[in-house]
Protein backbone atom coordinates (compact mmCIF):
# COMPACT_ATOMS: atom_id res chain seq x y z
CA UNK A 1 24.96 -12.30 9.48
CA UNK A 2 21.36 -11.24 7.63
CA UNK A 3 20.04 -14.28 5.30
CA UNK A 4 19.09 -12.31 2.06
CA UNK A 5 15.05 -11.92 1.82
CA UNK A 6 13.49 -14.97 0.09
CA UNK A 7 10.54 -14.90 -2.41
CA UNK A 8 8.57 -17.22 -4.46
CA UNK A 9 7.99 -16.66 -8.32
CA UNK A 10 4.49 -16.41 -9.64
CA UNK A 11 4.94 -18.90 -12.34
CA UNK A 12 6.84 -21.70 -11.12
CA UNK A 13 6.93 -21.61 -7.25
CA UNK A 14 10.41 -22.12 -6.91
CA UNK A 15 11.75 -20.21 -3.76
CA UNK A 16 14.77 -18.24 -4.30
CA UNK A 17 16.90 -14.63 -3.42
CA UNK A 18 14.79 -11.44 -3.79
CA UNK A 19 17.76 -10.39 -5.91
CA UNK A 20 17.62 -12.84 -8.30
CA UNK A 21 13.89 -12.56 -9.19
CA UNK A 22 12.20 -9.63 -10.84
CA UNK A 23 9.65 -7.61 -9.69
CA UNK A 24 6.54 -6.63 -10.89
CA UNK A 25 4.14 -4.20 -9.77
CA UNK A 26 0.42 -2.76 -10.72
CA UNK A 27 1.07 0.82 -11.73
CA UNK A 28 -2.84 2.48 -12.31
CA UNK A 29 -3.70 -1.11 -13.37
CA UNK A 30 -0.91 -2.29 -15.74
CA UNK A 31 1.85 -4.54 -14.94
CA UNK A 32 4.99 -2.94 -14.43
CA UNK A 33 8.28 -4.45 -14.39
CA UNK A 34 10.47 -2.29 -11.35
CA UNK A 35 12.42 -3.31 -8.00
CA UNK A 36 11.40 0.01 -6.42
CA UNK A 37 7.92 0.27 -7.43
CA UNK A 38 5.34 1.02 -4.14
CA UNK A 39 3.13 -1.89 -2.90
CA UNK A 40 2.34 -5.07 -3.52
CA UNK A 41 5.11 -6.77 -5.60
CA UNK A 42 5.14 -10.46 -7.65
CA UNK A 43 8.14 -11.76 -8.35
CA UNK A 44 9.21 -14.36 -11.46
CA UNK A 45 12.55 -15.92 -12.06
CA UNK A 46 14.33 -14.80 -15.07
CA UNK A 47 13.07 -17.35 -17.57
CA UNK A 48 10.42 -16.13 -19.84
CA UNK A 49 8.41 -19.59 -19.53
CA UNK A 50 8.10 -18.43 -15.71
CA UNK A 51 6.22 -15.06 -16.77
CA UNK A 52 4.30 -16.85 -19.49
CA UNK A 53 2.89 -19.79 -16.83
CA UNK A 54 1.91 -16.56 -14.54
CA UNK A 55 0.06 -14.79 -17.21
CA UNK A 56 -1.50 -17.93 -18.25
CA UNK A 57 -2.89 -18.59 -14.46
CA UNK A 58 -3.67 -15.16 -13.70
CA UNK A 59 -1.16 -15.37 -11.09
CA UNK A 60 0.25 -11.49 -10.92
CA UNK A 61 -3.41 -10.87 -10.59
CA UNK A 62 -3.91 -13.09 -7.95
CA UNK A 63 -0.50 -12.04 -5.98
CA UNK A 64 -1.18 -8.18 -6.99
CA UNK A 65 -5.05 -8.65 -5.72
CA UNK A 66 -6.32 -6.59 -8.48
CA UNK A 67 -6.79 -7.07 -12.10
CA UNK A 68 -3.74 -6.47 -14.41
CA UNK A 69 -3.25 -5.41 -17.65
CA UNK A 70 -0.40 -7.59 -19.12
CA UNK A 71 1.29 -5.49 -22.02
CA UNK A 72 3.80 -7.98 -24.50
CA UNK A 73 6.47 -5.74 -24.29
CA UNK A 74 7.62 -6.48 -20.69
CA UNK A 75 8.17 -10.13 -22.22
CA UNK A 76 11.90 -8.23 -23.48
CA UNK A 77 12.95 -8.18 -19.58
CA UNK A 78 13.98 -12.09 -19.88
CA UNK A 79 16.99 -13.60 -21.37
CA UNK A 80 15.71 -17.03 -23.22
CA UNK A 81 12.76 -17.10 -25.82
């Protein structure tokens, strides 16, 4: 039996199975949501507060190892407000 891969939320630091988290990547310098994007990925819990904390602490830039532009429309991927 194989264990599901775990990832760490960029916002809160909680470890969770990869399927429970949202994945983001950098596409031409823009932060983009998508599970199949090539390259490095940054994960957040499905809570808006985690996304906002990752943006405020520049966590996406750190994990993706590049400067990314975060568009406000990405917040629509989260269920709570």
